[in-house]
Amino acid sequence: MSKHPLDHDRGASSSRLAKFAAFERSEQPSAASKTLQQRPRTQSETRAKQFARIEREMKAVAP
């Protein structure tokens, strides 16, 4: 299997390290997604209860 283009040995250069650092930063979640994860979940709990109720009703009706 061939190496990834960034893994080829081209000597110690700061640009190679900068490419790895930029790639690592790009893989991290954005600030917007972090704030969405930290939102209070009061509404989603109510919604989950509604879906559970619908599912229970469907199972009761199903043969």
PDB file of N, CA and C in Angstrom:
ATOM      1  N   MET A   1       0.845  -1.175   0.000  1.00  0.00           N
ATOM      2  CA  MET A   1       0.000   0.000   0.000  1.00  0.00           C
ATOM      3  C   MET A   1       0.890   1.237   0.000  1.00  0.00           C
ATOM      4  N   SER A   2       0.561   2.194  -0.799  1.00  0.00           N
ATOM      5  CA  SER A   2       1.382   3.390  -0.894  1.00  0.00           C
ATOM      6  C   SER A   2       1.106   4.329   0.280  1.00  0.00           C
ATOM      7  N   LYS A   3       2.057   5.182   0.513  1.00  0.00           N
ATOM      8  CA  LYS A   3       1.925   6.132   1.612  1.00  0.00           C
ATOM      9  C   LYS A   3       1.004   7.281   1.212  1.00  0.00           C
ATOM     10  N   HIS A   4       0.466   7.896   2.228  1.00  0.00           N
ATOM     11  CA  HIS A   4      -0.326   9.104   2.011  1.00  0.00           C
ATOM     12  C   HIS A   4       0.630  10.202   1.542  1.00  0.00           C
ATOM     13  N   PRO A   5       0.191  11.087   0.665  1.00  0.00           N
ATOM     14  CA  PRO A   5       1.094  12.135   0.162  1.00  0.00           C
ATOM     15  C   PRO A   5       1.756  12.961   1.270  1.00  0.00           C
ATOM     16  N   LEU A   6       1.084  13.166   2.375  1.00  0.00           N
ATOM     17  CA  LEU A   6       1.695  13.931   3.458  1.00  0.00           C
ATOM     18  C   LEU A   6       2.746  13.120   4.218  1.00  0.00           C
ATOM     19  N   ASP A   7       2.728  11.784   4.051  1.00  0.00           N
ATOM     20  CA  ASP A   7       3.670  10.936   4.773  1.00  0.00           C
ATOM     21  C   ASP A   7       4.978  10.708   4.025  1.00  0.00           C
ATOM     22  N   HIS A   8       5.098  11.139   2.791  1.00  0.00           N
ATOM     23  CA  HIS A   8       6.344  10.968   2.065  1.00  0.00           C
ATOM     24  C   HIS A   8       7.434  11.824   2.699  1.00  0.00           C
ATOM     25  N   ASP A   9       8.607  11.243   2.811  1.00  0.00           N
ATOM     26  CA  ASP A   9       9.708  11.952   3.463  1.00  0.00           C
ATOM     27  C   ASP A   9      10.265  13.018   2.528  1.00  0.00           C
ATOM     28  N   ARG A  10      10.102  14.248   2.908  1.00  0.00           N
ATOM     29  CA  ARG A  10      10.622  15.366   2.115  1.00  0.00           C
ATOM     30  C   ARG A  10      11.519  16.248   2.980  1.00  0.00           C
ATOM     31  N   GLY A  11      12.056  15.666   4.007  1.00  0.00           N
ATOM     32  CA  GLY A  11      12.909  16.439   4.898  1.00  0.00           C
ATOM     33  C   GLY A  11      12.081  17.150   5.952  1.00  0.00           C
ATOM     34  N   ALA A  12      12.762  17.649   6.936  1.00  0.00           N
ATOM     35  CA  ALA A  12      12.076  18.353   8.018  1.00  0.00           C
ATOM     36  C   ALA A  12      11.750  19.772   7.569  1.00  0.00           C
ATOM     37  N   SER A  13      10.482  20.017   7.345  1.00  0.00           N
ATOM     38  CA  SER A  13      10.091  21.365   6.934  1.00  0.00           C
ATOM     39  C   SER A  13       8.929  21.824   7.799  1.00  0.00           C
ATOM     40  N   SER A  14       8.854  23.109   8.005  1.00  0.00           N
ATOM     41  CA  SER A  14       7.778  23.647   8.822  1.00  0.00           C
ATOM     42  C   SER A  14       6.445  23.577   8.076  1.00  0.00           C
ATOM     43  N   SER A  15       6.489  23.592   6.747  1.00  0.00           N
ATOM     44  CA  SER A  15       5.238  23.544   5.991  1.00  0.00           C
ATOM     45  C   SER A  15       4.571  22.176   6.138  1.00  0.00           C
ATOM     46  N   ARG A  16       5.371  21.113   6.246  1.00  0.00           N
ATOM     47  CA  ARG A  16       4.816  19.775   6.441  1.00  0.00           C
ATOM     48  C   ARG A  16       4.093  19.705   7.782  1.00  0.00           C
ATOM     49  N   LEU A  17       4.723  20.251   8.822  1.00  0.00           N
ATOM     50  CA  LEU A  17       4.098  20.279  10.126  1.00  0.00           C
ATOM     51  C   LEU A  17       2.853  21.158  10.105  1.00  0.00           C
ATOM     52  N   ALA A  18       2.903  22.242   9.379  1.00  0.00           N
ATOM     53  CA  ALA A  18       1.748  23.130   9.276  1.00  0.00           C
ATOM     54  C   ALA A  18       0.584  22.431   8.587  1.00  0.00           C
ATOM     55  N   LYS A  19       0.866  21.585   7.595  1.00  0.00           N
ATOM     56  CA  LYS A  19      -0.192  20.847   6.917  1.00  0.00           C
ATOM     57  C   LYS A  19      -0.864  19.872   7.878  1.00  0.00           C
ATOM     58  N   PHE A  20      -0.052  19.173   8.679  1.00  0.00           N
ATOM     59  CA  PHE A  20      -0.631  18.255   9.655  1.00  0.00           C
ATOM     60  C   PHE A  20      -1.463  19.012  10.687  1.00  0.00           C
ATOM     61  N   ALA A  21      -0.986  20.138  11.145  1.00  0.00           N
ATOM     62  CA  ALA A  21      -1.710  20.932  12.147  1.00  0.00           C
ATOM     63  C   ALA A  21      -3.029  21.444  11.567  1.00  0.00           C
ATOM     64  N   ALA A  22      -3.006  21.909  10.329  1.00  0.00           N
ATOM     65  CA  ALA A  22      -4.223  22.401   9.692  1.00  0.00           C
ATOM     66  C   ALA A  22      -5.232  21.278   9.515  1.00  0.00           C
ATOM     67  N   PHE A  23      -4.757  20.102   9.143  1.00  0.00           N
ATOM     68  CA  PHE A  23      -5.646  18.955   8.974  1.00  0.00           C
ATOM     69  C   PHE A  23      -6.270  18.567  10.308  1.00  0.00           C
ATOM     70  N   GLU A  24      -5.470  18.576  11.363  1.00  0.00           N
ATOM     71  CA  GLU A  24      -5.981  18.215  12.686  1.00  0.00           C
ATOM     72  C   GLU A  24      -7.034  19.224  13.152  1.00  0.00           C
ATOM     73  N   ARG A  25      -6.807  20.484  12.915  1.00  0.00           N
ATOM     74  CA  ARG A  25      -7.778  21.506  13.303  1.00  0.00           C
ATOM     75  C   ARG A  25      -9.070  21.375  12.497  1.00  0.00           C
ATOM     76  N   SER A  26      -8.953  20.984  11.247  1.00  0.00           N
ATOM     77  CA  SER A  26     -10.153  20.871  10.408  1.00  0.00           C
ATOM     78  C   SER A  26     -11.023  19.702  10.830  1.00  0.00           C
ATOM     79  N   GLU A  27     -10.460  18.698  11.477  1.00  0.00           N
ATOM     80  CA  GLU A  27     -11.226  17.538  11.911  1.00  0.00           C
ATOM     81  C   GLU A  27     -11.994  17.795  13.197  1.00  0.00           C
ATOM     82  N   GLN A  28     -11.682  18.847  13.916  1.00  0.00           N
ATOM     83  CA  GLN A  28     -12.364  19.132  15.166  1.00  0.00           C
ATOM     84  C   GLN A  28     -13.725  19.757  14.876  1.00  0.00           C
ATOM     85  N   PRO A  29     -14.685  19.525  15.770  1.00  0.00           N
ATOM     86  CA  PRO A  29     -16.002  20.120  15.538  1.00  0.00           C
ATOM     87  C   PRO A  29     -15.956  21.636  15.610  1.00  0.00           C
ATOM     88  N   SER A  30     -16.814  22.258  14.867  1.00  0.00           N
ATOM     89  CA  SER A  30     -16.836  23.723  14.838  1.00  0.00           C
ATOM     90  C   SER A  30     -17.462  24.271  16.117  1.00  0.00           C
ATOM     91  N   ALA A  31     -17.262  25.540  16.343  1.00  0.00           N
ATOM     92  CA  ALA A  31     -17.829  26.189  17.532  1.00  0.00           C
ATOM     93  C   ALA A  31     -19.353  26.155  17.477  1.00  0.00           C
ATOM     94  N   ALA A  32     -19.929  26.240  16.287  1.00  0.00           N
ATOM     95  CA  ALA A  32     -21.388  26.214  16.158  1.00  0.00           C
ATOM     96  C   ALA A  32     -21.957  24.871  16.602  1.00  0.00           C
ATOM     97  N   SER A  33     -21.305  23.777  16.213  1.00  0.00           N
ATOM     98  CA  SER A  33     -21.823  22.475  16.624  1.00  0.00           C
ATOM     99  C   SER A  33     -21.628  22.242  18.122  1.00  0.00           C
ATOM    100  N   LYS A  34     -20.562  22.804  18.677  1.00  0.00           N
ATOM    101  CA  LYS A  34     -20.365  22.682  20.129  1.00  0.00           C
ATOM    102  C   LYS A  34     -21.458  23.404  20.900  1.00  0.00           C
ATOM    103  N   THR A  35     -21.846  24.592  20.442  1.00  0.00           N
ATOM    104  CA  THR A  35     -22.902  25.328  21.147  1.00  0.00           C
ATOM    105  C   THR A  35     -24.245  24.621  21.014  1.00  0.00           C
ATOM    106  N   LEU A  36     -24.486  23.973  19.876  1.00  0.00           N
ATOM    107  CA  LEU A  36     -25.726  23.214  19.729  1.00  0.00           C
ATOM    108  C   LEU A  36     -25.768  22.040  20.696  1.00  0.00           C
ATOM    109  N   GLN A  37     -24.624  21.412  20.939  1.00  0.00           N
ATOM    110  CA  GLN A  37     -24.580  20.277  21.859  1.00  0.00           C
ATOM    111  C   GLN A  37     -24.764  20.716  23.301  1.00  0.00           C
ATOM    112  N   GLN A  38     -24.440  21.959  23.617  1.00  0.00           N
ATOM    113  CA  GLN A  38     -24.541  22.438  24.984  1.00  0.00           C
ATOM    114  C   GLN A  38     -25.897  23.071  25.291  1.00  0.00           C
ATOM    115  N   ARG A  39     -26.799  23.114  24.331  1.00  0.00           N
ATOM    116  CA  ARG A  39     -28.129  23.681  24.537  1.00  0.00           C
ATOM    117  C   ARG A  39     -28.917  22.851  25.540  1.00  0.00           C
ATOM    118  N   PRO A  40     -29.799  23.474  26.300  1.00  0.00           N
ATOM    119  CA  PRO A  40     -30.661  22.686  27.185  1.00  0.00           C
ATOM    120  C   PRO A  40     -31.560  21.772  26.370  1.00  0.00           C
ATOM    121  N   ARG A  41     -31.819  20.601  26.861  1.00  0.00           N
ATOM    122  CA  ARG A  41     -32.560  19.603  26.093  1.00  0.00           C
ATOM    123  C   ARG A  41     -33.989  19.423  26.590  1.00  0.00           C
ATOM    124  N   THR A  42     -34.588  20.438  27.101  1.00  0.00           N
ATOM    125  CA  THR A  42     -35.945  20.306  27.624  1.00  0.00           C
ATOM    126  C   THR A  42     -36.935  20.003  26.506  1.00  0.00           C
ATOM    127  N   GLN A  43     -36.782  20.644  25.370  1.00  0.00           N
ATOM    128  CA  GLN A  43     -37.709  20.431  24.275  1.00  0.00           C
ATOM    129  C   GLN A  43     -37.547  19.039  23.671  1.00  0.00           C
ATOM    130  N   SER A  44     -36.327  18.565  23.556  1.00  0.00           N
ATOM    131  CA  SER A  44     -36.113  17.264  22.930  1.00  0.00           C
ATOM    132  C   SER A  44     -36.660  16.128  23.794  1.00  0.00           C
ATOM    133  N   GLU A  45     -36.644  16.289  25.125  1.00  0.00           N
ATOM    134  CA  GLU A  45     -37.204  15.253  25.988  1.00  0.00           C
ATOM    135  C   GLU A  45     -38.709  15.132  25.748  1.00  0.00           C
ATOM    136  N   THR A  46     -39.370  16.257  25.617  1.00  0.00           N
ATOM    137  CA  THR A  46     -40.802  16.242  25.351  1.00  0.00           C
ATOM    138  C   THR A  46     -41.073  15.587  24.003  1.00  0.00           C
ATOM    139  N   ARG A  47     -40.261  15.917  23.046  1.00  0.00           N
ATOM    140  CA  ARG A  47     -40.437  15.341  21.716  1.00  0.00           C
ATOM    141  C   ARG A  47     -40.180  13.834  21.731  1.00  0.00           C
ATOM    142  N   ALA A  48     -39.184  13.402  22.488  1.00  0.00           N
ATOM    143  CA  ALA A  48     -38.903  11.973  22.591  1.00  0.00           C
ATOM    144  C   ALA A  48     -40.075  11.246  23.246  1.00  0.00           C
ATOM    145  N   LYS A  49     -40.690  11.864  24.234  1.00  0.00           N
ATOM    146  CA  LYS A  49     -41.856  11.252  24.881  1.00  0.00           C
ATOM    147  C   LYS A  49     -43.007  11.115  23.891  1.00  0.00           C
ATOM    148  N   GLN A  50     -43.182  12.118  23.041  1.00  0.00           N
ATOM    149  CA  GLN A  50     -44.244  12.046  22.037  1.00  0.00           C
ATOM    150  C   GLN A  50     -43.990  10.906  21.055  1.00  0.00           C
ATOM    151  N   PHE A  51     -42.757  10.750  20.604  1.00  0.00           N
ATOM    152  CA  PHE A  51     -42.436   9.657  19.689  1.00  0.00           C
ATOM    153  C   PHE A  51     -42.611   8.301  20.365  1.00  0.00           C
ATOM    154  N   ALA A  52     -42.243   8.204  21.635  1.00  0.00           N
ATOM    155  CA  ALA A  52     -42.418   6.942  22.362  1.00  0.00           C
ATOM    156  C   ALA A  52     -43.891   6.600  22.490  1.00  0.00           C
ATOM    157  N   ARG A  53     -44.732   7.600  22.745  1.00  0.00           N
ATOM    158  CA  ARG A  53     -46.172   7.362  22.861  1.00  0.00           C
ATOM    159  C   ARG A  53     -46.732   6.871  21.524  1.00  0.00           C
ATOM    160  N   ILE A  54     -46.312   7.490  20.435  1.00  0.00           N
ATOM    161  CA  ILE A  54     -46.778   7.072  19.110  1.00  0.00           C
ATOM    162  C   ILE A  54     -46.347   5.640  18.832  1.00  0.00           C
ATOM    163  N   GLU A  55     -45.112   5.315  19.191  1.00  0.00           N
ATOM    164  CA  GLU A  55     -44.614   3.961  18.950  1.00  0.00           C
ATOM    165  C   GLU A  55     -45.394   2.937  19.770  1.00  0.00           C
ATOM    166  N   ARG A  56     -45.688   3.262  21.021  1.00  0.00           N
ATOM    167  CA  ARG A  56     -46.468   2.334  21.859  1.00  0.00           C
ATOM    168  C   ARG A  56     -47.850   2.117  21.270  1.00  0.00           C
ATOM    169  N   GLU A  57     -48.472   3.192  20.786  1.00  0.00           N
ATOM    170  CA  GLU A  57     -49.797   3.067  20.185  1.00  0.00           C
ATOM    171  C   GLU A  57     -49.750   2.204  18.928  1.00  0.00           C
ATOM    172  N   MET A  58     -48.688   2.351  18.136  1.00  0.00           N
ATOM    173  CA  MET A  58     -48.577   1.555  16.910  1.00  0.00           C
ATOM    174  C   MET A  58     -48.391   0.074  17.243  1.00  0.00           C
ATOM    175  N   LYS A  59     -47.619  -0.211  18.302  1.00  0.00           N
ATOM    176  CA  LYS A  59     -47.423  -1.611  18.692  1.00  0.00           C
ATOM    177  C   LYS A  59     -48.720  -2.216  19.221  1.00  0.00           C
ATOM    178  N   ALA A  60     -49.529  -1.422  19.906  1.00  0.00           N
ATOM    179  CA  ALA A  60     -50.797  -1.913  20.435  1.00  0.00           C
ATOM    180  C   ALA A  60     -51.783  -2.223  19.321  1.00  0.00           C
ATOM    181  N   VAL A  61     -51.726  -1.472  18.230  1.00  0.00           N
ATOM    182  CA  VAL A  61     -52.641  -1.650  17.116  1.00  0.00           C
ATOM    183  C   VAL A  61     -52.152  -2.764  16.191  1.00  0.00           C
ATOM    184  N   ALA A  62     -50.862  -2.983  16.103  1.00  0.00           N
ATOM    185  CA  ALA A  62     -50.284  -3.957  15.162  1.00  0.00           C
ATOM    186  C   ALA A  62     -50.719  -5.376  15.559  1.00  0.00           C
ATOM    187  N   PRO A  63     -51.004  -6.232  14.558  1.00  0.00           N
ATOM    188  CA  PRO A  63     -51.423  -7.609  14.856  1.00  0.00           C
ATOM    189  C   PRO A  63     -50.338  -8.474  15.415  1.00  0.00           C
TER     190      PRO A  63
END
